[in-house]
Amino acid sequence: MVASRILEVCRQDAAACVGAEIPISLSIGVAQWTREMGSFPDRLMAAADHALYAAKKRGKNGYAVYDPAPPLAPEIGAEAVADLRQHA
């Protein structure tokens, strides 16, 4: 909720600017401390950084929340999907 609100405030502030355009984009990575992280703040920062790159991968002006669960299957690239379709 906080990340969403920050994005909205930044959009409103940028829209309220008069005169020269101010190019601004914002990506936010959100992480929550867990017991597994222990008392190591660098682990929490690494989780937030991981989420930040996920937000950037989705595009500008967004946020992502760190999910420690591994994906059920590896990502399949477009070329691999096309190859699978050809052999189906």
PDB file of N, CA and C in Angstrom:
ATOM      1  N   MET A   1       0.811  -1.194   0.000  1.00  0.00           N
ATOM      2  CA  MET A   1       0.000   0.000   0.000  1.00  0.00           C
ATOM      3  C   MET A   1       0.857   1.262   0.000  1.00  0.00           C
ATOM      4  N   VAL A   2       1.923   1.223   0.770  1.00  0.00           N
ATOM      5  CA  VAL A   2       2.785   2.397   0.867  1.00  0.00           C
ATOM      6  C   VAL A   2       3.458   2.669  -0.482  1.00  0.00           C
ATOM      7  N   ALA A   3       3.963   1.627  -1.137  1.00  0.00           N
ATOM      8  CA  ALA A   3       4.619   1.806  -2.431  1.00  0.00           C
ATOM      9  C   ALA A   3       3.636   2.367  -3.452  1.00  0.00           C
ATOM     10  N   SER A   4       2.429   1.867  -3.451  1.00  0.00           N
ATOM     11  CA  SER A   4       1.403   2.352  -4.368  1.00  0.00           C
ATOM     12  C   SER A   4       1.115   3.828  -4.118  1.00  0.00           C
ATOM     13  N   ARG A   5       1.049   4.216  -2.877  1.00  0.00           N
ATOM     14  CA  ARG A   5       0.773   5.615  -2.521  1.00  0.00           C
ATOM     15  C   ARG A   5       1.933   6.528  -2.932  1.00  0.00           C
ATOM     16  N   ILE A   6       3.153   6.065  -2.731  1.00  0.00           N
ATOM     17  CA  ILE A   6       4.324   6.852  -3.136  1.00  0.00           C
ATOM     18  C   ILE A   6       4.299   7.092  -4.639  1.00  0.00           C
ATOM     19  N   LEU A   7       3.998   6.052  -5.408  1.00  0.00           N
ATOM     20  CA  LEU A   7       3.906   6.195  -6.866  1.00  0.00           C
ATOM     21  C   LEU A   7       2.850   7.224  -7.251  1.00  0.00           C
ATOM     22  N   GLU A   8       1.704   7.168  -6.600  1.00  0.00           N
ATOM     23  CA  GLU A   8       0.616   8.096  -6.913  1.00  0.00           C
ATOM     24  C   GLU A   8       1.001   9.533  -6.592  1.00  0.00           C
ATOM     25  N   VAL A   9       1.624   9.758  -5.451  1.00  0.00           N
ATOM     26  CA  VAL A   9       2.044  11.113  -5.073  1.00  0.00           C
ATOM     27  C   VAL A   9       3.067  11.653  -6.067  1.00  0.00           C
ATOM     28  N   CYS A  10       4.006  10.824  -6.486  1.00  0.00           N
ATOM     29  CA  CYS A  10       5.009  11.262  -7.466  1.00  0.00           C
ATOM     30  C   CYS A  10       4.361  11.602  -8.798  1.00  0.00           C
ATOM     31  N   ARG A  11       3.389  10.816  -9.222  1.00  0.00           N
ATOM     32  CA  ARG A  11       2.678  11.110 -10.473  1.00  0.00           C
ATOM     33  C   ARG A  11       1.948  12.445 -10.367  1.00  0.00           C
ATOM     34  N   GLN A  12       1.272  12.681  -9.252  1.00  0.00           N
ATOM     35  CA  GLN A  12       0.535  13.928  -9.061  1.00  0.00           C
ATOM     36  C   GLN A  12       1.482  15.116  -9.026  1.00  0.00           C
ATOM     37  N   ASP A  13       2.596  14.979  -8.330  1.00  0.00           N
ATOM     38  CA  ASP A  13       3.567  16.071  -8.254  1.00  0.00           C
ATOM     39  C   ASP A  13       4.141  16.387  -9.631  1.00  0.00           C
ATOM     40  N   ALA A  14       4.470  15.368 -10.403  1.00  0.00           N
ATOM     41  CA  ALA A  14       5.020  15.589 -11.740  1.00  0.00           C
ATOM     42  C   ALA A  14       3.986  16.235 -12.647  1.00  0.00           C
ATOM     43  N   ALA A  15       2.722  15.827 -12.531  1.00  0.00           N
ATOM     44  CA  ALA A  15       1.656  16.386 -13.356  1.00  0.00           C
ATOM     45  C   ALA A  15       1.372  17.843 -12.981  1.00  0.00           C
ATOM     46  N   ALA A  16       1.622  18.207 -11.730  1.00  0.00           N
ATOM     47  CA  ALA A  16       1.343  19.567 -11.268  1.00  0.00           C
ATOM     48  C   ALA A  16       2.417  20.563 -11.671  1.00  0.00           C
ATOM     49  N   CYS A  17       3.552  20.067 -12.127  1.00  0.00           N
ATOM     50  CA  CYS A  17       4.637  20.972 -12.527  1.00  0.00           C
ATOM     51  C   CYS A  17       4.237  21.749 -13.773  1.00  0.00           C
ATOM     52  N   VAL A  18       4.524  23.026 -13.761  1.00  0.00           N
ATOM     53  CA  VAL A  18       4.205  23.896 -14.896  1.00  0.00           C
ATOM     54  C   VAL A  18       5.511  24.282 -15.576  1.00  0.00           C
ATOM     55  N   GLY A  19       5.484  24.407 -16.878  1.00  0.00           N
ATOM     56  CA  GLY A  19       6.680  24.812 -17.605  1.00  0.00           C
ATOM     57  C   GLY A  19       7.348  23.610 -18.227  1.00  0.00           C
ATOM     58  N   ALA A  20       8.667  23.597 -18.130  1.00  0.00           N
ATOM     59  CA  ALA A  20       9.443  22.522 -18.743  1.00  0.00           C
ATOM     60  C   ALA A  20       9.051  21.166 -18.142  1.00  0.00           C
ATOM     61  N   GLU A  21       8.983  20.191 -19.016  1.00  0.00           N
ATOM     62  CA  GLU A  21       8.642  18.853 -18.551  1.00  0.00           C
ATOM     63  C   GLU A  21       9.755  18.311 -17.661  1.00  0.00           C
ATOM     64  N   ILE A  22       9.345  17.589 -16.663  1.00  0.00           N
ATOM     65  CA  ILE A  22      10.300  16.953 -15.765  1.00  0.00           C
ATOM     66  C   ILE A  22      10.165  15.451 -15.966  1.00  0.00           C
ATOM     67  N   PRO A  23      11.131  14.847 -16.676  1.00  0.00           N
ATOM     68  CA  PRO A  23      11.030  13.400 -16.885  1.00  0.00           C
ATOM     69  C   PRO A  23      11.345  12.662 -15.583  1.00  0.00           C
ATOM     70  N   ILE A  24      10.367  11.962 -15.079  1.00  0.00           N
ATOM     71  CA  ILE A  24      10.550  11.227 -13.840  1.00  0.00           C
ATOM     72  C   ILE A  24       9.878   9.872 -13.967  1.00  0.00           C
ATOM     73  N   SER A  25      10.561   8.876 -13.509  1.00  0.00           N
ATOM     74  CA  SER A  25       9.962   7.555 -13.398  1.00  0.00           C
ATOM     75  C   SER A  25      10.440   6.969 -12.076  1.00  0.00           C
ATOM     76  N   LEU A  26       9.682   6.051 -11.564  1.00  0.00           N
ATOM     77  CA  LEU A  26       9.958   5.534 -10.238  1.00  0.00           C
ATOM     78  C   LEU A  26       9.709   4.040 -10.223  1.00  0.00           C
ATOM     79  N   SER A  27      10.655   3.297  -9.706  1.00  0.00           N
ATOM     80  CA  SER A  27      10.494   1.867  -9.489  1.00  0.00           C
ATOM     81  C   SER A  27      10.829   1.594  -8.029  1.00  0.00           C
ATOM     82  N   ILE A  28      10.015   0.761  -7.394  1.00  0.00           N
ATOM     83  CA  ILE A  28      10.185   0.503  -5.970  1.00  0.00           C
ATOM     84  C   ILE A  28      10.249  -1.001  -5.732  1.00  0.00           C
ATOM     85  N   GLY A  29      11.219  -1.418  -4.934  1.00  0.00           N
ATOM     86  CA  GLY A  29      11.323  -2.812  -4.502  1.00  0.00           C
ATOM     87  C   GLY A  29      10.964  -2.901  -3.036  1.00  0.00           C
ATOM     88  N   VAL A  30      10.049  -3.798  -2.708  1.00  0.00           N
ATOM     89  CA  VAL A  30       9.559  -3.942  -1.335  1.00  0.00           C
ATOM     90  C   VAL A  30       9.944  -5.321  -0.802  1.00  0.00           C
ATOM     91  N   ALA A  31      10.461  -5.346   0.413  1.00  0.00           N
ATOM     92  CA  ALA A  31      10.796  -6.614   1.068  1.00  0.00           C
ATOM     93  C   ALA A  31      10.402  -6.528   2.531  1.00  0.00           C
ATOM     94  N   GLN A  32      10.094  -7.661   3.087  1.00  0.00           N
ATOM     95  CA  GLN A  32       9.727  -7.735   4.503  1.00  0.00           C
ATOM     96  C   GLN A  32      10.708  -8.648   5.218  1.00  0.00           C
ATOM     97  N   TRP A  33      11.142  -8.229   6.390  1.00  0.00           N
ATOM     98  CA  TRP A  33      12.058  -9.034   7.181  1.00  0.00           C
ATOM     99  C   TRP A  33      11.397 -10.351   7.543  1.00  0.00           C
ATOM    100  N   THR A  34      12.161 -11.437   7.477  1.00  0.00           N
ATOM    101  CA  THR A  34      11.698 -12.749   7.920  1.00  0.00           C
ATOM    102  C   THR A  34      12.715 -13.316   8.911  1.00  0.00           C
ATOM    103  N   ARG A  35      12.318 -14.303   9.656  1.00  0.00           N
ATOM    104  CA  ARG A  35      13.225 -14.929  10.627  1.00  0.00           C
ATOM    105  C   ARG A  35      14.459 -15.526   9.942  1.00  0.00           C
ATOM    106  N   GLU A  36      14.285 -16.013   8.723  1.00  0.00           N
ATOM    107  CA  GLU A  36      15.395 -16.619   8.007  1.00  0.00           C
ATOM    108  C   GLU A  36      16.513 -15.611   7.727  1.00  0.00           C
ATOM    109  N   MET A  37      16.160 -14.337   7.644  1.00  0.00           N
ATOM    110  CA  MET A  37      17.162 -13.289   7.396  1.00  0.00           C
ATOM    111  C   MET A  37      18.015 -13.044   8.628  1.00  0.00           C
ATOM    112  N   GLY A  38      17.482 -13.392   9.777  1.00  0.00           N
ATOM    113  CA  GLY A  38      18.222 -13.192  11.014  1.00  0.00           C
ATOM    114  C   GLY A  38      18.513 -11.723  11.254  1.00  0.00           C
ATOM    115  N   SER A  39      19.629 -11.463  11.875  1.00  0.00           N
ATOM    116  CA  SER A  39      19.983 -10.072  12.205  1.00  0.00           C
ATOM    117  C   SER A  39      20.958  -9.494  11.181  1.00  0.00           C
ATOM    118  N   PHE A  40      20.758  -9.874   9.919  1.00  0.00           N
ATOM    119  CA  PHE A  40      21.640  -9.410   8.853  1.00  0.00           C
ATOM    120  C   PHE A  40      20.886  -8.444   7.943  1.00  0.00           C
ATOM    121  N   PRO A  41      21.070  -7.138   8.156  1.00  0.00           N
ATOM    122  CA  PRO A  41      20.337  -6.158   7.338  1.00  0.00           C
ATOM    123  C   PRO A  41      20.666  -6.269   5.848  1.00  0.00           C
ATOM    124  N   ASP A  42      21.850  -6.768   5.502  1.00  0.00           N
ATOM    125  CA  ASP A  42      22.197  -6.900   4.090  1.00  0.00           C
ATOM    126  C   ASP A  42      21.296  -7.907   3.383  1.00  0.00           C
ATOM    127  N   ARG A  43      20.773  -8.889   4.098  1.00  0.00           N
ATOM    128  CA  ARG A  43      19.845  -9.851   3.497  1.00  0.00           C
ATOM    129  C   ARG A  43      18.516  -9.184   3.149  1.00  0.00           C
ATOM    130  N   LEU A  44      18.046  -8.312   4.031  1.00  0.00           N
ATOM    131  CA  LEU A  44      16.819  -7.575   3.753  1.00  0.00           C
ATOM    132  C   LEU A  44      17.025  -6.631   2.576  1.00  0.00           C
ATOM    133  N   MET A  45      18.167  -5.953   2.540  1.00  0.00           N
ATOM    134  CA  MET A  45      18.466  -5.046   1.430  1.00  0.00           C
ATOM    135  C   MET A  45      18.576  -5.814   0.113  1.00  0.00           C
ATOM    136  N   ALA A  46      19.162  -7.008   0.157  1.00  0.00           N
ATOM    137  CA  ALA A  46      19.284  -7.822  -1.062  1.00  0.00           C
ATOM    138  C   ALA A  46      17.906  -8.244  -1.557  1.00  0.00           C
ATOM    139  N   ALA A  47      17.005  -8.571  -0.638  1.00  0.00           N
ATOM    140  CA  ALA A  47      15.643  -8.945  -1.026  1.00  0.00           C
ATOM    141  C   ALA A  47      14.924  -7.751  -1.661  1.00  0.00           C
ATOM    142  N   ALA A  48      15.081  -6.568  -1.078  1.00  0.00           N
ATOM    143  CA  ALA A  48      14.459  -5.364  -1.649  1.00  0.00           C
ATOM    144  C   ALA A  48      15.064  -5.044  -3.011  1.00  0.00           C
ATOM    145  N   ASP A  49      16.363  -5.253  -3.153  1.00  0.00           N
ATOM    146  CA  ASP A  49      17.032  -5.014  -4.428  1.00  0.00           C
ATOM    147  C   ASP A  49      16.524  -5.984  -5.497  1.00  0.00           C
ATOM    148  N   HIS A  50      16.331  -7.222  -5.120  1.00  0.00           N
ATOM    149  CA  HIS A  50      15.780  -8.229  -6.036  1.00  0.00           C
ATOM    150  C   HIS A  50      14.397  -7.794  -6.511  1.00  0.00           C
ATOM    151  N   ALA A  51      13.574  -7.327  -5.587  1.00  0.00           N
ATOM    152  CA  ALA A  51      12.236  -6.847  -5.944  1.00  0.00           C
ATOM    153  C   ALA A  51      12.315  -5.607  -6.828  1.00  0.00           C
ATOM    154  N   LEU A  52      13.272  -4.731  -6.561  1.00  0.00           N
ATOM    155  CA  LEU A  52      13.443  -3.527  -7.379  1.00  0.00           C
ATOM    156  C   LEU A  52      13.719  -3.894  -8.834  1.00  0.00           C
ATOM    157  N   TYR A  53      14.613  -4.854  -9.058  1.00  0.00           N
ATOM    158  CA  TYR A  53      14.913  -5.252 -10.433  1.00  0.00           C
ATOM    159  C   TYR A  53      13.710  -5.923 -11.093  1.00  0.00           C
ATOM    160  N   ALA A  54      12.902  -6.628 -10.315  1.00  0.00           N
ATOM    161  CA  ALA A  54      11.670  -7.204 -10.866  1.00  0.00           C
ATOM    162  C   ALA A  54      10.716  -6.091 -11.288  1.00  0.00           C
ATOM    163  N   ALA A  55      10.624  -5.031 -10.492  1.00  0.00           N
ATOM    164  CA  ALA A  55       9.767  -3.895 -10.839  1.00  0.00           C
ATOM    165  C   ALA A  55      10.270  -3.207 -12.104  1.00  0.00           C
ATOM    166  N   LYS A  56      11.583  -3.022 -12.216  1.00  0.00           N
ATOM    167  CA  LYS A  56      12.157  -2.389 -13.401  1.00  0.00           C
ATOM    168  C   LYS A  56      11.930  -3.242 -14.645  1.00  0.00           C
ATOM    169  N   LYS A  57      11.978  -4.556 -14.475  1.00  0.00           N
ATOM    170  CA  LYS A  57      11.777  -5.474 -15.602  1.00  0.00           C
ATOM    171  C   LYS A  57      10.358  -5.348 -16.162  1.00  0.00           C
ATOM    172  N   ARG A  58       9.408  -5.048 -15.298  1.00  0.00           N
ATOM    173  CA  ARG A  58       8.011  -4.895 -15.724  1.00  0.00           C
ATOM    174  C   ARG A  58       7.764  -3.576 -16.439  1.00  0.00           C
ATOM    175  N   GLY A  59       8.632  -2.606 -16.237  1.00  0.00           N
ATOM    176  CA  GLY A  59       8.461  -1.297 -16.866  1.00  0.00           C
ATOM    177  C   GLY A  59       8.571  -0.189 -15.843  1.00  0.00           C
ATOM    178  N   LYS A  60       8.426   1.029 -16.320  1.00  0.00           N
ATOM    179  CA  LYS A  60       8.579   2.192 -15.447  1.00  0.00           C
ATOM    180  C   LYS A  60       7.351   2.381 -14.560  1.00  0.00           C
ATOM    181  N   ASN A  61       7.590   3.118 -13.478  1.00  0.00           N
ATOM    182  CA  ASN A  61       6.514   3.534 -12.566  1.00  0.00           C
ATOM    183  C   ASN A  61       5.735   2.371 -11.988  1.00  0.00           C
ATOM    184  N   GLY A  62       6.448   1.492 -11.339  1.00  0.00           N
ATOM    185  CA  GLY A  62       5.791   0.361 -10.705  1.00  0.00           C
ATOM    186  C   GLY A  62       6.548  -0.083  -9.473  1.00  0.00           C
ATOM    187  N   TYR A  63       6.011  -1.078  -8.837  1.00  0.00           N
ATOM    188  CA  TYR A  63       6.670  -1.652  -7.669  1.00  0.00           C
ATOM    189  C   TYR A  63       6.511  -3.161  -7.709  1.00  0.00           C
ATOM    190  N   ALA A  64       7.371  -3.843  -6.981  1.00  0.00           N
ATOM    191  CA  ALA A  64       7.298  -5.285  -6.863  1.00  0.00           C
ATOM    192  C   ALA A  64       7.618  -5.646  -5.421  1.00  0.00           C
ATOM    193  N   VAL A  65       7.024  -6.719  -4.968  1.00  0.00           N
ATOM    194  CA  VAL A  65       7.241  -7.207  -3.614  1.00  0.00           C
ATOM    195  C   VAL A  65       8.074  -8.486  -3.703  1.00  0.00           C
ATOM    196  N   TYR A  66       9.116  -8.570  -2.902  1.00  0.00           N
ATOM    197  CA  TYR A  66       9.988  -9.742  -2.911  1.00  0.00           C
ATOM    198  C   TYR A  66       9.207 -10.972  -2.475  1.00  0.00           C
ATOM    199  N   ASP A  67       9.344 -12.032  -3.256  1.00  0.00           N
ATOM    200  CA  ASP A  67       8.711 -13.313  -2.940  1.00  0.00           C
ATOM    201  C   ASP A  67       9.819 -14.342  -2.813  1.00  0.00           C
ATOM    202  N   PRO A  68      10.080 -14.831  -1.599  1.00  0.00           N
ATOM    203  CA  PRO A  68      11.190 -15.767  -1.419  1.00  0.00           C
ATOM    204  C   PRO A  68      10.926 -17.157  -1.998  1.00  0.00           C
ATOM    205  N   ALA A  69       9.685 -17.443  -2.377  1.00  0.00           N
ATOM    206  CA  ALA A  69       9.375 -18.759  -2.925  1.00  0.00           C
ATOM    207  C   ALA A  69       9.986 -18.900  -4.316  1.00  0.00           C
ATOM    208  N   PRO A  70      10.669 -20.007  -4.587  1.00  0.00           N
ATOM    209  CA  PRO A  70      11.237 -20.193  -5.929  1.00  0.00           C
ATOM    210  C   PRO A  70      10.129 -20.443  -6.941  1.00  0.00           C
ATOM    211  N   PRO A  71      10.349 -20.087  -8.203  1.00  0.00           N
ATOM    212  CA  PRO A  71       9.332 -20.339  -9.224  1.00  0.00           C
ATOM    213  C   PRO A  71       9.140 -21.842  -9.408  1.00  0.00           C
ATOM    214  N   LEU A  72       7.943 -22.226  -9.807  1.00  0.00           N
ATOM    215  CA  LEU A  72       7.647 -23.640 -10.008  1.00  0.00           C
ATOM    216  C   LEU A  72       8.346 -24.186 -11.248  1.00  0.00           C
ATOM    217  N   ALA A  73       8.566 -23.342 -12.221  1.00  0.00           N
ATOM    218  CA  ALA A  73       9.243 -23.751 -13.445  1.00  0.00           C
ATOM    219  C   ALA A  73      10.126 -22.601 -13.911  1.00  0.00           C
ATOM    220  N   PRO A  74      11.237 -22.916 -14.561  1.00  0.00           N
ATOM    221  CA  PRO A  74      12.086 -21.825 -15.064  1.00  0.00           C
ATOM    222  C   PRO A  74      11.372 -21.055 -16.160  1.00  0.00           C
ATOM    223  N   GLU A  75      11.765 -19.792 -16.307  1.00  0.00           N
ATOM    224  CA  GLU A  75      11.175 -18.967 -17.368  1.00  0.00           C
ATOM    225  C   GLU A  75      11.564 -19.537 -18.723  1.00  0.00           C
ATOM    226  N   ILE A  76      10.612 -19.526 -19.640  1.00  0.00           N
ATOM    227  CA  ILE A  76      10.868 -20.016 -20.984  1.00  0.00           C
ATOM    228  C   ILE A  76      10.887 -18.816 -21.913  1.00  0.00           C
ATOM    229  N   GLY A  77      11.955 -18.678 -22.670  1.00  0.00           N
ATOM    230  CA  GLY A  77      12.085 -17.570 -23.600  1.00  0.00           C
ATOM    231  C   GLY A  77      11.165 -17.743 -24.796  1.00  0.00           C
ATOM    232  N   ALA A  78      10.943 -16.663 -25.535  1.00  0.00           N
ATOM    233  CA  ALA A  78      10.054 -16.674 -26.695  1.00  0.00           C
ATOM    234  C   ALA A  78      10.521 -17.668 -27.753  1.00  0.00           C
ATOM    235  N   GLU A  79      11.850 -17.773 -27.943  1.00  0.00           N
ATOM    236  CA  GLU A  79      12.374 -18.709 -28.940  1.00  0.00           C
ATOM    237  C   GLU A  79      12.043 -20.155 -28.565  1.00  0.00           C
ATOM    238  N   ALA A  80      12.154 -20.489 -27.295  1.00  0.00           N
ATOM    239  CA  ALA A  80      11.855 -21.854 -26.857  1.00  0.00           C
ATOM    240  C   ALA A  80      10.379 -22.157 -27.027  1.00  0.00           C
ATOM    241  N   VAL A  81       9.511 -21.186 -26.766  1.00  0.00           N
ATOM    242  CA  VAL A  81       8.069 -21.386 -26.936  1.00  0.00           C
ATOM    243  C   VAL A  81       7.756 -21.613 -28.410  1.00  0.00           C
ATOM    244  N   ALA A  82       8.354 -20.825 -29.292  1.00  0.00           N
ATOM    245  CA  ALA A  82       8.133 -20.989 -30.731  1.00  0.00           C
ATOM    246  C   ALA A  82       8.600 -22.364 -31.184  1.00  0.00           C
ATOM    247  N   ASP A  83       9.737 -22.817 -30.672  1.00  0.00           N
ATOM    248  CA  ASP A  83      10.264 -24.125 -31.027  1.00  0.00           C
ATOM    249  C   ASP A  83       9.320 -25.232 -30.553  1.00  0.00           C
ATOM    250  N   LEU A  84       8.776 -25.075 -29.343  1.00  0.00           N
ATOM    251  CA  LEU A  84       7.820 -26.068 -28.824  1.00  0.00           C
ATOM    252  C   LEU A  84       6.564 -26.130 -29.689  1.00  0.00           C
ATOM    253  N   ARG A  85       6.103 -24.989 -30.169  1.00  0.00           N
ATOM    254  CA  ARG A  85       4.903 -24.947 -31.008  1.00  0.00           C
ATOM    255  C   ARG A  85       5.137 -25.625 -32.350  1.00  0.00           C
ATOM    256  N   GLN A  86       6.347 -25.486 -32.883  1.00  0.00           N
ATOM    257  CA  GLN A  86       6.654 -26.102 -34.162  1.00  0.00           C
ATOM    258  C   GLN A  86       6.652 -27.626 -34.070  1.00  0.00           C
ATOM    259  N   HIS A  87       7.045 -28.138 -32.930  1.00  0.00           N
ATOM    260  CA  HIS A  87       7.128 -29.591 -32.748  1.00  0.00           C
ATOM    261  C   HIS A  87       5.846 -30.197 -32.194  1.00  0.00           C
ATOM    262  N   ALA A  88       4.855 -29.366 -31.951  1.00  0.00           N
ATOM    263  CA  ALA A  88       3.588 -29.875 -31.388  1.00  0.00           C
ATOM    264  C   ALA A  88       2.683 -30.405 -32.460  1.00  0.00           C
TER     265      ALA A  88
END
